[in-house]
PDB file of N, CA and C in Angstrom:
ATOM      1  N   MET A   1      23.061  -3.496  -5.709  1.00  0.00           N
ATOM      2  CA  MET A   1      22.143  -2.361  -5.676  1.00  0.00           C
ATOM      3  C   MET A   1      20.761  -2.839  -6.100  1.00  0.00           C
ATOM      4  N   THR A   2      19.757  -2.421  -5.374  1.00  0.00           N
ATOM      5  CA  THR A   2      18.378  -2.703  -5.726  1.00  0.00           C
ATOM      6  C   THR A   2      17.768  -1.434  -6.296  1.00  0.00           C
ATOM      7  N   TYR A   3      17.197  -1.557  -7.483  1.00  0.00           N
ATOM      8  CA  TYR A   3      16.664  -0.369  -8.130  1.00  0.00           C
ATOM      9  C   TYR A   3      15.291   0.007  -7.613  1.00  0.00           C
ATOM     10  N   GLN A   4      14.427  -0.969  -7.393  1.00  0.00           N
ATOM     11  CA  GLN A   4      13.103  -0.661  -6.874  1.00  0.00           C
ATOM     12  C   GLN A   4      13.092  -0.883  -5.375  1.00  0.00           C
ATOM     13  N   GLN A   5      12.747   0.167  -4.657  1.00  0.00           N
ATOM     14  CA  GLN A   5      12.681   0.093  -3.210  1.00  0.00           C
ATOM     15  C   GLN A   5      11.416   0.797  -2.744  1.00  0.00           C
ATOM     16  N   PRO A   6      10.726   0.226  -1.751  1.00  0.00           N
ATOM     17  CA  PRO A   6       9.530   0.882  -1.237  1.00  0.00           C
ATOM     18  C   PRO A   6       9.778   2.336  -0.812  1.00  0.00           C
ATOM     19  N   SER A   7      10.977   2.629  -0.361  1.00  0.00           N
ATOM     20  CA  SER A   7      11.274   4.000   0.074  1.00  0.00           C
ATOM     21  C   SER A   7      11.202   4.996  -1.096  1.00  0.00           C
ATOM     22  N   ASP A   8      11.308   4.503  -2.341  1.00  0.00           N
ATOM     23  CA  ASP A   8      11.173   5.396  -3.494  1.00  0.00           C
ATOM     24  C   ASP A   8       9.831   6.121  -3.493  1.00  0.00           C
ATOM     25  N   LEU A   9       8.824   5.468  -2.931  1.00  0.00           N
ATOM     26  CA  LEU A   9       7.490   6.065  -2.928  1.00  0.00           C
ATOM     27  C   LEU A   9       7.433   7.356  -2.106  1.00  0.00           C
ATOM     28  N   ARG A  10       8.416   7.562  -1.244  1.00  0.00           N
ATOM     29  CA  ARG A  10       8.454   8.811  -0.464  1.00  0.00           C
ATOM     30  C   ARG A  10       8.751  10.014  -1.358  1.00  0.00           C
ATOM     31  N   THR A  11       9.210   9.779  -2.589  1.00  0.00           N
ATOM     32  CA  THR A  11       9.505  10.890  -3.502  1.00  0.00           C
ATOM     33  C   THR A  11       8.278  11.349  -4.284  1.00  0.00           C
ATOM     34  N   VAL A  12       7.127  10.725  -4.064  1.00  0.00           N
ATOM     35  CA  VAL A  12       5.906  11.126  -4.775  1.00  0.00           C
ATOM     36  C   VAL A  12       5.614  12.620  -4.604  1.00  0.00           C
ATOM     37  N   PRO A  13       5.689  13.178  -3.394  1.00  0.00           N
ATOM     38  CA  PRO A  13       5.442  14.620  -3.269  1.00  0.00           C
ATOM     39  C   PRO A  13       6.416  15.466  -4.105  1.00  0.00           C
ATOM     40  N   THR A  14       7.634  15.007  -4.233  1.00  0.00           N
ATOM     41  CA  THR A  14       8.619  15.729  -5.048  1.00  0.00           C
ATOM     42  C   THR A  14       8.219  15.696  -6.510  1.00  0.00           C
ATOM     43  N   VAL A  15       7.798  14.532  -6.982  1.00  0.00           N
ATOM     44  CA  VAL A  15       7.357  14.419  -8.377  1.00  0.00           C
ATOM     45  C   VAL A  15       6.167  15.343  -8.614  1.00  0.00           C
ATOM     46  N   ARG A  16       5.244  15.371  -7.667  1.00  0.00           N
ATOM     47  CA  ARG A  16       4.079  16.254  -7.825  1.00  0.00           C
ATOM     48  C   ARG A  16       4.524  17.708  -7.886  1.00  0.00           C
ATOM     49  N   ALA A  17       5.443  18.098  -7.050  1.00  0.00           N
ATOM     50  CA  ALA A  17       5.925  19.488  -7.047  1.00  0.00           C
ATOM     51  C   ALA A  17       6.623  19.837  -8.363  1.00  0.00           C
ATOM     52  N   LEU A  18       7.308  18.874  -8.952  1.00  0.00           N
ATOM     53  CA  LEU A  18       8.043  19.123 -10.190  1.00  0.00           C
ATOM     54  C   LEU A  18       7.153  19.120 -11.429  1.00  0.00           C
ATOM     55  N   ALA A  19       6.037  18.384 -11.374  1.00  0.00           N
ATOM     56  CA  ALA A  19       5.140  18.278 -12.532  1.00  0.00           C
ATOM     57  C   ALA A  19       3.700  18.205 -12.047  1.00  0.00           C
ATOM     58  N   ARG A  20       3.272  19.286 -11.397  1.00  0.00           N
ATOM     59  CA  ARG A  20       1.965  19.304 -10.731  1.00  0.00           C
ATOM     60  C   ARG A  20       0.797  19.008 -11.665  1.00  0.00           C
ATOM     61  N   ASP A  21       0.702  19.678 -12.793  1.00  0.00           N
ATOM     62  CA  ASP A  21      -0.443  19.476 -13.694  1.00  0.00           C
ATOM     63  C   ASP A  21      -0.518  18.039 -14.182  1.00  0.00           C
ATOM     64  N   GLU A  22       0.613  17.510 -14.597  1.00  0.00           N
ATOM     65  CA  GLU A  22       0.656  16.141 -15.097  1.00  0.00           C
ATOM     66  C   GLU A  22       0.334  15.139 -13.997  1.00  0.00           C
ATOM     67  N   PHE A  23       0.915  15.356 -12.835  1.00  0.00           N
ATOM     68  CA  PHE A  23       0.676  14.466 -11.702  1.00  0.00           C
ATOM     69  C   PHE A  23      -0.801  14.467 -11.329  1.00  0.00           C
ATOM     70  N   ASP A  24      -1.383  15.659 -11.202  1.00  0.00           N
ATOM     71  CA  ASP A  24      -2.797  15.762 -10.818  1.00  0.00           C
ATOM     72  C   ASP A  24      -3.698  15.131 -11.869  1.00  0.00           C
ATOM     73  N   ALA A  25      -3.377  15.312 -13.149  1.00  0.00           N
ATOM     74  CA  ALA A  25      -4.167  14.702 -14.217  1.00  0.00           C
ATOM     75  C   ALA A  25      -4.083  13.179 -14.137  1.00  0.00           C
ATOM     76  N   PHE A  26      -2.859  12.672 -13.900  1.00  0.00           N
ATOM     77  CA  PHE A  26      -2.695  11.226 -13.769  1.00  0.00           C
ATOM     78  C   PHE A  26      -3.489  10.696 -12.583  1.00  0.00           C
ATOM     79  N   MET A  27      -3.398  11.355 -11.452  1.00  0.00           N
ATOM     80  CA  MET A  27      -4.105  10.888 -10.258  1.00  0.00           C
ATOM     81  C   MET A  27      -5.621  10.942 -10.456  1.00  0.00           C
ATOM     82  N   ASN A  28      -6.110  11.977 -11.125  1.00  0.00           N
ATOM     83  CA  ASN A  28      -7.537  12.067 -11.424  1.00  0.00           C
ATOM     84  C   ASN A  28      -7.966  10.892 -12.305  1.00  0.00           C
ATOM     85  N   PHE A  29      -7.163  10.608 -13.329  1.00  0.00           N
ATOM     86  CA  PHE A  29      -7.445   9.477 -14.213  1.00  0.00           C
ATOM     87  C   PHE A  29      -7.442   8.172 -13.418  1.00  0.00           C
ATOM     88  N   HIS A  30      -6.424   7.977 -12.597  1.00  0.00           N
ATOM     89  CA  HIS A  30      -6.303   6.757 -11.798  1.00  0.00           C
ATOM     90  C   HIS A  30      -7.499   6.596 -10.864  1.00  0.00           C
ATOM     91  N   GLU A  31      -7.889   7.671 -10.195  1.00  0.00           N
ATOM     92  CA  GLU A  31      -9.025   7.607  -9.273  1.00  0.00           C
ATOM     93  C   GLU A  31     -10.328   7.321 -10.012  1.00  0.00           C
ATOM     94  N   THR A  32     -10.467   7.835 -11.226  1.00  0.00           N
ATOM     95  CA  THR A  32     -11.656   7.570 -12.031  1.00  0.00           C
ATOM     96  C   THR A  32     -11.710   6.103 -12.436  1.00  0.00           C
ATOM     97  N   VAL A  33     -10.588   5.565 -12.867  1.00  0.00           N
ATOM     98  CA  VAL A  33     -10.543   4.169 -13.300  1.00  0.00           C
ATOM     99  C   VAL A  33     -10.811   3.213 -12.142  1.00  0.00           C
ATOM    100  N   PHE A  34     -10.295   3.514 -10.966  1.00  0.00           N
ATOM    101  CA  PHE A  34     -10.434   2.609  -9.825  1.00  0.00           C
ATOM    102  C   PHE A  34     -11.504   3.082  -8.842  1.00  0.00           C
ATOM    103  N   ARG A  35     -12.613   3.535  -9.389  1.00  0.00           N
ATOM    104  CA  ARG A  35     -13.742   3.969  -8.562  1.00  0.00           C
ATOM    105  C   ARG A  35     -14.725   2.821  -8.375  1.00  0.00           C
ATOM    106  N   GLU A  36     -15.531   2.945  -7.366  1.00  0.00           N
ATOM    107  CA  GLU A  36     -16.660   2.037  -7.171  1.00  0.00           C
ATOM    108  C   GLU A  36     -17.784   2.505  -8.083  1.00  0.00           C
ATOM    109  N   GLY A  37     -18.631   1.586  -8.487  1.00  0.00           N
ATOM    110  CA  GLY A  37     -19.842   1.972  -9.195  1.00  0.00           C
ATOM    111  C   GLY A  37     -19.738   2.008 -10.706  1.00  0.00           C
ATOM    112  N   GLY A  38     -18.635   1.609 -11.278  1.00  0.00           N
ATOM    113  CA  GLY A  38     -18.540   1.542 -12.726  1.00  0.00           C
ATOM    114  C   GLY A  38     -19.258   0.300 -13.241  1.00  0.00           C
ATOM    115  N   THR A  39     -19.373   0.180 -14.534  1.00  0.00           N
ATOM    116  CA  THR A  39     -19.984  -1.007 -15.132  1.00  0.00           C
ATOM    117  C   THR A  39     -19.166  -2.251 -14.785  1.00  0.00           C
ATOM    118  N   ILE A  40     -17.852  -2.117 -14.796  1.00  0.00           N
ATOM    119  CA  ILE A  40     -16.975  -3.217 -14.403  1.00  0.00           C
ATOM    120  C   ILE A  40     -16.755  -3.107 -12.900  1.00  0.00           C
ATOM    121  N   PRO A  41     -17.064  -4.155 -12.144  1.00  0.00           N
ATOM    122  CA  PRO A  41     -16.876  -4.091 -10.687  1.00  0.00           C
ATOM    123  C   PRO A  41     -15.419  -3.826 -10.316  1.00  0.00           C
ATOM    124  N   LEU A  42     -15.218  -3.162  -9.190  1.00  0.00           N
ATOM    125  CA  LEU A  42     -13.884  -2.789  -8.735  1.00  0.00           C
ATOM    126  C   LEU A  42     -12.969  -4.009  -8.595  1.00  0.00           C
ATOM    127  N   LYS A  43     -13.497  -5.120  -8.087  1.00  0.00           N
ATOM    128  CA  LYS A  43     -12.664  -6.316  -7.931  1.00  0.00           C
ATOM    129  C   LYS A  43     -12.099  -6.750  -9.276  1.00  0.00           C
ATOM    130  N   LEU A  44     -12.921  -6.744 -10.319  1.00  0.00           N
ATOM    131  CA  LEU A  44     -12.454  -7.139 -11.644  1.00  0.00           C
ATOM    132  C   LEU A  44     -11.440  -6.136 -12.180  1.00  0.00           C
ATOM    133  N   ARG A  45     -11.685  -4.849 -11.970  1.00  0.00           N
ATOM    134  CA  ARG A  45     -10.727  -3.821 -12.386  1.00  0.00           C
ATOM    135  C   ARG A  45      -9.365  -4.062 -11.735  1.00  0.00           C
ATOM    136  N   GLU A  46      -9.379  -4.379 -10.438  1.00  0.00           N
ATOM    137  CA  GLU A  46      -8.129  -4.605  -9.718  1.00  0.00           C
ATOM    138  C   GLU A  46      -7.434  -5.880 -10.191  1.00  0.00           C
ATOM    139  N   LEU A  47      -8.207  -6.918 -10.485  1.00  0.00           N
ATOM    140  CA  LEU A  47      -7.597  -8.153 -10.988  1.00  0.00           C
ATOM    141  C   LEU A  47      -6.993  -7.943 -12.377  1.00  0.00           C
ATOM    142  N   VAL A  48      -7.665  -7.180 -13.219  1.00  0.00           N
ATOM    143  CA  VAL A  48      -7.105  -6.848 -14.538  1.00  0.00           C
ATOM    144  C   VAL A  48      -5.821  -6.042 -14.354  1.00  0.00           C
ATOM    145  N   ALA A  49      -5.868  -5.056 -13.463  1.00  0.00           N
ATOM    146  CA  ALA A  49      -4.683  -4.236 -13.200  1.00  0.00           C
ATOM    147  C   ALA A  49      -3.538  -5.094 -12.667  1.00  0.00           C
ATOM    148  N   LEU A  50      -3.854  -6.060 -11.825  1.00  0.00           N
ATOM    149  CA  LEU A  50      -2.824  -6.949 -11.298  1.00  0.00           C
ATOM    150  C   LEU A  50      -2.210  -7.785 -12.415  1.00  0.00           C
ATOM    151  N   ALA A  51      -3.035  -8.297 -13.313  1.00  0.00           N
ATOM    152  CA  ALA A  51      -2.513  -9.077 -14.442  1.00  0.00           C
ATOM    153  C   ALA A  51      -1.611  -8.214 -15.318  1.00  0.00           C
ATOM    154  N   VAL A  52      -2.025  -6.984 -15.582  1.00  0.00           N
ATOM    155  CA  VAL A  52      -1.190  -6.073 -16.381  1.00  0.00           C
ATOM    156  C   VAL A  52       0.110  -5.788 -15.642  1.00  0.00           C
ATOM    157  N   ALA A  53       0.026  -5.555 -14.345  1.00  0.00           N
ATOM    158  CA  ALA A  53       1.231  -5.283 -13.548  1.00  0.00           C
ATOM    159  C   ALA A  53       2.201  -6.455 -13.598  1.00  0.00           C
ATOM    160  N   MET A  54       1.655  -7.656 -13.608  1.00  0.00           N
ATOM    161  CA  MET A  54       2.513  -8.836 -13.710  1.00  0.00           C
ATOM    162  C   MET A  54       3.218  -8.879 -15.063  1.00  0.00           C
ATOM    163  N   THR A  55       2.498  -8.508 -16.118  1.00  0.00           N
ATOM    164  CA  THR A  55       3.101  -8.565 -17.452  1.00  0.00           C
ATOM    165  C   THR A  55       4.087  -7.430 -17.679  1.00  0.00           C
ATOM    166  N   THR A  56       3.868  -6.279 -17.053  1.00  0.00           N
ATOM    167  CA  THR A  56       4.807  -5.168 -17.194  1.00  0.00           C
ATOM    168  C   THR A  56       5.918  -5.243 -16.148  1.00  0.00           C
ATOM    169  N   ARG A  57       5.769  -6.158 -15.208  1.00  0.00           N
ATOM    170  CA  ARG A  57       6.758  -6.415 -14.158  1.00  0.00           C
ATOM    171  C   ARG A  57       7.020  -5.190 -13.280  1.00  0.00           C
ATOM    172  N   CYS A  58       5.941  -4.495 -12.963  1.00  0.00           N
ATOM    173  CA  CYS A  58       6.052  -3.326 -12.089  1.00  0.00           C
ATOM    174  C   CYS A  58       5.786  -3.764 -10.647  1.00  0.00           C
ATOM    175  N   SER A  59       6.846  -3.826  -9.859  1.00  0.00           N
ATOM    176  CA  SER A  59       6.710  -4.275  -8.467  1.00  0.00           C
ATOM    177  C   SER A  59       5.764  -3.394  -7.668  1.00  0.00           C
ATOM    178  N   TYR A  60       5.849  -2.094  -7.886  1.00  0.00           N
ATOM    179  CA  TYR A  60       4.967  -1.179  -7.155  1.00  0.00           C
ATOM    180  C   TYR A  60       3.504  -1.447  -7.506  1.00  0.00           C
ATOM    181  N   CYS A  61       3.238  -1.648  -8.794  1.00  0.00           N
ATOM    182  CA  CYS A  61       1.862  -1.905  -9.240  1.00  0.00           C
ATOM    183  C   CYS A  61       1.363  -3.253  -8.729  1.00  0.00           C
ATOM    184  N   ILE A  62       2.240  -4.260  -8.730  1.00  0.00           N
ATOM    185  CA  ILE A  62       1.849  -5.567  -8.194  1.00  0.00           C
ATOM    186  C   ILE A  62       1.462  -5.425  -6.727  1.00  0.00           C
ATOM    187  N   ASP A  63       2.240  -4.665  -5.976  1.00  0.00           N
ATOM    188  CA  ASP A  63       1.938  -4.433  -4.561  1.00  0.00           C
ATOM    189  C   ASP A  63       0.598  -3.714  -4.410  1.00  0.00           C
ATOM    190  N   THR A  64       0.463  -2.613  -5.106  1.00  0.00           N
ATOM    191  CA  THR A  64      -0.754  -1.799  -4.993  1.00  0.00           C
ATOM    192  C   THR A  64      -2.005  -2.557  -5.410  1.00  0.00           C
ATOM    193  N   HIS A  65      -1.935  -3.251  -6.544  1.00  0.00           N
ATOM    194  CA  HIS A  65      -3.141  -3.904  -7.064  1.00  0.00           C
ATOM    195  C   HIS A  65      -3.417  -5.253  -6.404  1.00  0.00           C
ATOM    196  N   THR A  66      -2.419  -5.864  -5.780  1.00  0.00           N
ATOM    197  CA  THR A  66      -2.698  -7.040  -4.949  1.00  0.00           C
ATOM    198  C   THR A  66      -3.527  -6.596  -3.749  1.00  0.00           C
ATOM    199  N   ARG A  67      -3.080  -5.515  -3.118  1.00  0.00           N
ATOM    200  CA  ARG A  67      -3.849  -4.983  -1.973  1.00  0.00           C
ATOM    201  C   ARG A  67      -5.224  -4.505  -2.422  1.00  0.00           C
ATOM    202  N   GLY A  68      -5.274  -3.816  -3.568  1.00  0.00           N
ATOM    203  CA  GLY A  68      -6.558  -3.323  -4.076  1.00  0.00           C
ATOM    204  C   GLY A  68      -7.526  -4.451  -4.373  1.00  0.00           C
ATOM    205  N   ALA A  69      -7.018  -5.519  -5.006  1.00  0.00           N
ATOM    206  CA  ALA A  69      -7.872  -6.660  -5.328  1.00  0.00           C
ATOM    207  C   ALA A  69      -8.386  -7.328  -4.056  1.00  0.00           C
ATOM    208  N   THR A  70      -7.485  -7.515  -3.092  1.00  0.00           N
ATOM    209  CA  THR A  70      -7.881  -8.126  -1.826  1.00  0.00           C
ATOM    210  C   THR A  70      -8.914  -7.263  -1.116  1.00  0.00           C
ATOM    211  N   ASP A  71      -8.664  -5.956  -1.062  1.00  0.00           N
ATOM    212  CA  ASP A  71      -9.615  -5.044  -0.410  1.00  0.00           C
ATOM    213  C   ASP A  71     -10.970  -5.045  -1.117  1.00  0.00           C
ATOM    214  N   ALA A  72     -10.971  -5.313  -2.431  1.00  0.00           N
ATOM    215  CA  ALA A  72     -12.222  -5.334  -3.203  1.00  0.00           C
ATOM    216  C   ALA A  72     -12.891  -6.708  -3.152  1.00  0.00           C
ATOM    217  N   GLY A  73     -12.282  -7.650  -2.409  1.00  0.00           N
ATOM    218  CA  GLY A  73     -12.922  -8.944  -2.208  1.00  0.00           C
ATOM    219  C   GLY A  73     -12.320 -10.108  -2.971  1.00  0.00           C
ATOM    220  N   ALA A  74     -11.202  -9.912  -3.661  1.00  0.00           N
ATOM    221  CA  ALA A  74     -10.570 -11.018  -4.384  1.00  0.00           C
ATOM    222  C   ALA A  74     -10.023 -12.040  -3.403  1.00  0.00           C
ATOM    223  N   THR A  75     -10.131 -13.291  -3.782  1.00  0.00           N
ATOM    224  CA  THR A  75      -9.625 -14.376  -2.952  1.00  0.00           C
ATOM    225  C   THR A  75      -8.175 -14.689  -3.348  1.00  0.00           C
ATOM    226  N   ARG A  76      -7.502 -15.446  -2.501  1.00  0.00           N
ATOM    227  CA  ARG A  76      -6.132 -15.886  -2.821  1.00  0.00           C
ATOM    228  C   ARG A  76      -6.138 -16.743  -4.086  1.00  0.00           C
ATOM    229  N   GLU A  77      -7.195 -17.534  -4.246  1.00  0.00           N
ATOM    230  CA  GLU A  77      -7.300 -18.370  -5.444  1.00  0.00           C
ATOM    231  C   GLU A  77      -7.402 -17.510  -6.701  1.00  0.00           C
ATOM    232  N   GLU A  78      -8.192 -16.434  -6.645  1.00  0.00           N
ATOM    233  CA  GLU A  78      -8.309 -15.531  -7.800  1.00  0.00           C
ATOM    234  C   GLU A  78      -6.973 -14.851  -8.101  1.00  0.00           C
ATOM    235  N   ILE A  79      -6.273 -14.447  -7.049  1.00  0.00           N
ATOM    236  CA  ILE A  79      -4.968 -13.809  -7.245  1.00  0.00           C
ATOM    237  C   ILE A  79      -3.978 -14.806  -7.851  1.00  0.00           C
ATOM    238  N   ALA A  80      -4.033 -16.057  -7.414  1.00  0.00           N
ATOM    239  CA  ALA A  80      -3.156 -17.086  -7.977  1.00  0.00           C
ATOM    240  C   ALA A  80      -3.493 -17.329  -9.443  1.00  0.00           C
ATOM    241  N   GLU A  81      -4.776 -17.449  -9.764  1.00  0.00           N
ATOM    242  CA  GLU A  81      -5.188 -17.730 -11.141  1.00  0.00           C
ATOM    243  C   GLU A  81      -4.879 -16.574 -12.081  1.00  0.00           C
ATOM    244  N   ILE A  82      -4.985 -15.350 -11.600  1.00  0.00           N
ATOM    245  CA  ILE A  82      -4.764 -14.211 -12.500  1.00  0.00           C
ATOM    246  C   ILE A  82      -3.331 -14.199 -13.018  1.00  0.00           C
ATOM    247  N   GLY A  83      -2.394 -14.727 -12.239  1.00  0.00           N
ATOM    248  CA  GLY A  83      -1.023 -14.845 -12.717  1.00  0.00           C
ATOM    249  C   GLY A  83      -0.930 -15.748 -13.934  1.00  0.00           C
ATOM    250  N   PHE A  84      -1.722 -16.808 -13.963  1.00  0.00           N
ATOM    251  CA  PHE A  84      -1.714 -17.710 -15.116  1.00  0.00           C
ATOM    252  C   PHE A  84      -2.437 -17.097 -16.310  1.00  0.00           C
ATOM    253  N   VAL A  85      -3.456 -16.288 -16.047  1.00  0.00           N
ATOM    254  CA  VAL A  85      -4.098 -15.553 -17.140  1.00  0.00           C
ATOM    255  C   VAL A  85      -3.069 -14.631 -17.789  1.00  0.00           C
ATOM    256  N   ALA A  86      -2.338 -13.904 -16.961  1.00  0.00           N
ATOM    257  CA  ALA A  86      -1.303 -13.001 -17.476  1.00  0.00           C
ATOM    258  C   ALA A  86      -0.239 -13.776 -18.238  1.00  0.00           C
ATOM    259  N   ALA A  87       0.173 -14.909 -17.711  1.00  0.00           N
ATOM    260  CA  ALA A  87       1.202 -15.720 -18.372  1.00  0.00           C
ATOM    261  C   ALA A  87       0.713 -16.232 -19.718  1.00  0.00           C
ATOM    262  N   ALA A  88      -0.539 -16.654 -19.793  1.00  0.00           N
ATOM    263  CA  ALA A  88      -1.087 -17.160 -21.050  1.00  0.00           C
ATOM    264  C   ALA A  88      -1.155 -16.069 -22.102  1.00  0.00           C
ATOM    265  N   VAL A  89      -1.556 -14.876 -21.698  1.00  0.00           N
ATOM    266  CA  VAL A  89      -1.620 -13.764 -22.646  1.00  0.00           C
ATOM    267  C   VAL A  89      -0.215 -13.404 -23.127  1.00  0.00           C
ATOM    268  N   CYS A  90       0.751 -13.391 -22.217  1.00  0.00           N
ATOM    269  CA  CYS A  90       2.139 -13.109 -22.618  1.00  0.00           C
ATOM    270  C   CYS A  90       2.653 -14.171 -23.572  1.00  0.00           C
ATOM    271  N   ALA A  91       2.359 -15.435 -23.278  1.00  0.00           N
ATOM    272  CA  ALA A  91       2.803 -16.517 -24.158  1.00  0.00           C
ATOM    273  C   ALA A  91       2.141 -16.394 -25.529  1.00  0.00           C
ATOM    274  N   GLY A  92       0.863 -16.066 -25.539  1.00  0.00           N
ATOM    275  CA  GLY A  92       0.169 -15.873 -26.811  1.00  0.00           C
ATOM    276  C   GLY A  92       0.758 -14.714 -27.592  1.00  0.00           C
ATOM    277  N   GLY A  93       1.105 -13.651 -26.888  1.00  0.00           N
ATOM    278  CA  GLY A  93       1.729 -12.501 -27.544  1.00  0.00           C
ATOM    279  C   GLY A  93       3.083 -12.864 -28.133  1.00  0.00           C
ATOM    280  N   ALA A  94       3.852 -13.677 -27.412  1.00  0.00           N
ATOM    281  CA  ALA A  94       5.157 -14.110 -27.924  1.00  0.00           C
ATOM    282  C   ALA A  94       4.970 -14.961 -29.177  1.00  0.00           C
ATOM    283  N   MET A  95       3.981 -15.856 -29.160  1.00  0.00           N
ATOM    284  CA  MET A  95       3.723 -16.673 -30.337  1.00  0.00           C
ATOM    285  C   MET A  95       3.296 -15.799 -31.520  1.00  0.00           C
ATOM    286  N   ALA A  96       2.415 -14.830 -31.260  1.00  0.00           N
ATOM    287  CA  ALA A  96       1.962 -13.935 -32.319  1.00  0.00           C
ATOM    288  C   ALA A  96       3.125 -13.124 -32.884  1.00  0.00           C
ATOM    289  N   HIS A  97       4.046 -12.703 -32.035  1.00  0.00           N
ATOM    290  CA  HIS A  97       5.220 -11.986 -32.519  1.00  0.00           C
ATOM    291  C   HIS A  97       6.138 -12.907 -33.322  1.00  0.00           C
ATOM    292  N   GLY A  98       6.126 -14.192 -32.984  1.00  0.00           N
ATOM    293  CA  GLY A  98       6.858 -15.164 -33.787  1.00  0.00           C
ATOM    294  C   GLY A  98       6.286 -15.254 -35.191  1.00  0.00           C
ATOM    295  N   LEU A  99       4.963 -15.213 -35.299  1.00  0.00           N
ATOM    296  CA  LEU A  99       4.319 -15.207 -36.618  1.00  0.00           C
ATOM    297  C   LEU A  99       4.706 -13.949 -37.392  1.00  0.00           C
ATOM    298  N   LEU A 100       4.727 -12.834 -36.693  1.00  0.00           N
ATOM    299  CA  LEU A 100       5.146 -11.579 -37.313  1.00  0.00           C
ATOM    300  C   LEU A 100       6.585 -11.681 -37.813  1.00  0.00           C
ATOM    301  N   ALA A 101       7.462 -12.249 -36.989  1.00  0.00           N
ATOM    302  CA  ALA A 101       8.866 -12.384 -37.389  1.00  0.00           C
ATOM    303  C   ALA A 101       8.996 -13.236 -38.642  1.00  0.00           C
ATOM    304  N   LEU A 102       8.214 -14.315 -38.730  1.00  0.00           N
ATOM    305  CA  LEU A 102       8.259 -15.155 -39.929  1.00  0.00           C
ATOM    306  C   LEU A 102       7.795 -14.388 -41.165  1.00  0.00           C
ATOM    307  N   ARG A 103       6.715 -13.610 -40.997  1.00  0.00           N
ATOM    308  CA  ARG A 103       6.235 -12.820 -42.125  1.00  0.00           C
ATOM    309  C   ARG A 103       7.265 -11.782 -42.544  1.00  0.00           C
ATOM    310  N   LEU A 104       7.871 -11.107 -41.583  1.00  0.00           N
ATOM    311  CA  LEU A 104       8.884 -10.102 -41.907  1.00  0.00           C
ATOM    312  C   LEU A 104      10.100 -10.739 -42.572  1.00  0.00           C
ATOM    313  N   ASP A 105      10.494 -11.914 -42.091  1.00  0.00           N
ATOM    314  CA  ASP A 105      11.604 -12.628 -42.726  1.00  0.00           C
ATOM    315  C   ASP A 105      11.257 -12.934 -44.182  1.00  0.00           C
ATOM    316  N   ARG A 106      10.051 -13.435 -44.412  1.00  0.00           N
ATOM    317  CA  ARG A 106       9.611 -13.744 -45.776  1.00  0.00           C
ATOM    318  C   ARG A 106       9.612 -12.491 -46.645  1.00  0.00           C
ATOM    319  N   GLU A 107       9.064 -11.391 -46.107  1.00  0.00           N
ATOM    320  CA  GLU A 107       8.986 -10.151 -46.888  1.00  0.00           C
ATOM    321  C   GLU A 107      10.362  -9.589 -47.198  1.00  0.00           C
ATOM    322  N   HIS A 108      11.286  -9.689 -46.248  1.00  0.00           N
ATOM    323  CA  HIS A 108      12.617  -9.100 -46.433  1.00  0.00           C
ATOM    324  C   HIS A 108      13.572  -9.994 -47.212  1.00  0.00           C
ATOM    325  N   HIS A 109      13.471 -11.297 -46.987  1.00  0.00           N
ATOM    326  CA  HIS A 109      14.489 -12.194 -47.544  1.00  0.00           C
ATOM    327  C   HIS A 109      13.958 -13.213 -48.551  1.00  0.00           C
ATOM    328  N   HIS A 110      12.651 -13.400 -48.577  1.00  0.00           N
ATOM    329  CA  HIS A 110      12.086 -14.404 -49.482  1.00  0.00           C
ATOM    330  C   HIS A 110      10.826 -13.862 -50.149  1.00  0.00           C
ATOM    331  N   PRO A 111      10.887 -12.693 -50.790  1.00  0.00           N
ATOM    332  CA  PRO A 111       9.670 -12.142 -51.408  1.00  0.00           C
ATOM    333  C   PRO A 111       9.085 -13.121 -52.426  1.00  0.00           C
ATOM    334  N   GLY A 112       7.793 -13.128 -52.490  1.00  0.00           N
ATOM    335  CA  GLY A 112       7.116 -14.005 -53.434  1.00  0.00           C
ATOM    336  C   GLY A 112       6.787 -15.374 -52.868  1.00  0.00           C
ATOM    337  N   LYS A 113       7.378 -15.730 -51.731  1.00  0.00           N
ATOM    338  CA  LYS A 113       7.066 -17.026 -51.106  1.00  0.00           C
ATOM    339  C   LYS A 113       5.673 -16.967 -50.500  1.00  0.00           C
ATOM    340  N   ASP A 114       4.998 -18.079 -50.522  1.00  0.00           N
ATOM    341  CA  ASP A 114       3.682 -18.205 -49.911  1.00  0.00           C
ATOM    342  C   ASP A 114       3.797 -18.064 -48.396  1.00  0.00           C
ATOM    343  N   ALA A 115       2.799 -17.479 -47.773  1.00  0.00           N
ATOM    344  CA  ALA A 115       2.829 -17.232 -46.321  1.00  0.00           C
ATOM    345  C   ALA A 115       2.934 -18.518 -45.520  1.00  0.00           C
ATOM    346  N   SER A 116       2.434 -19.635 -46.064  1.00  0.00           N
ATOM    347  CA  SER A 116       2.460 -20.886 -45.298  1.00  0.00           C
ATOM    348  C   SER A 116       3.787 -21.618 -45.417  1.00  0.00           C
ATOM    349  N   GLU A 117       4.710 -21.122 -46.252  1.00  0.00           N
ATOM    350  CA  GLU A 117       6.008 -21.793 -46.412  1.00  0.00           C
ATOM    351  C   GLU A 117       7.014 -21.291 -45.411  1.00  0.00           C
TER     352      GLU A 117
END
């Protein structure tokens, strides 16, 4: 069984009918964020969105923002590099969480120990 399928997107009208106010508010927010003419150029917005989509592993978002980035002028090289930007941030986050785990271990099991030990 495949959980994410492009055909799922056909249920968007149903979601809107079930939660119209929330759906419309979300779409308004989305359209505002991905507008032309902001301080941050649309291409950069789409590349940031693509990097976030890669880190959240949302196939639909990766599809949408790959097309959005390309339509806004992103090159294949930029799309390739943004994956490594996302990977580096994820790796940095994992390392930072490792530091947190060490601190929590010290606080829970070794109170009074110096942070560098």
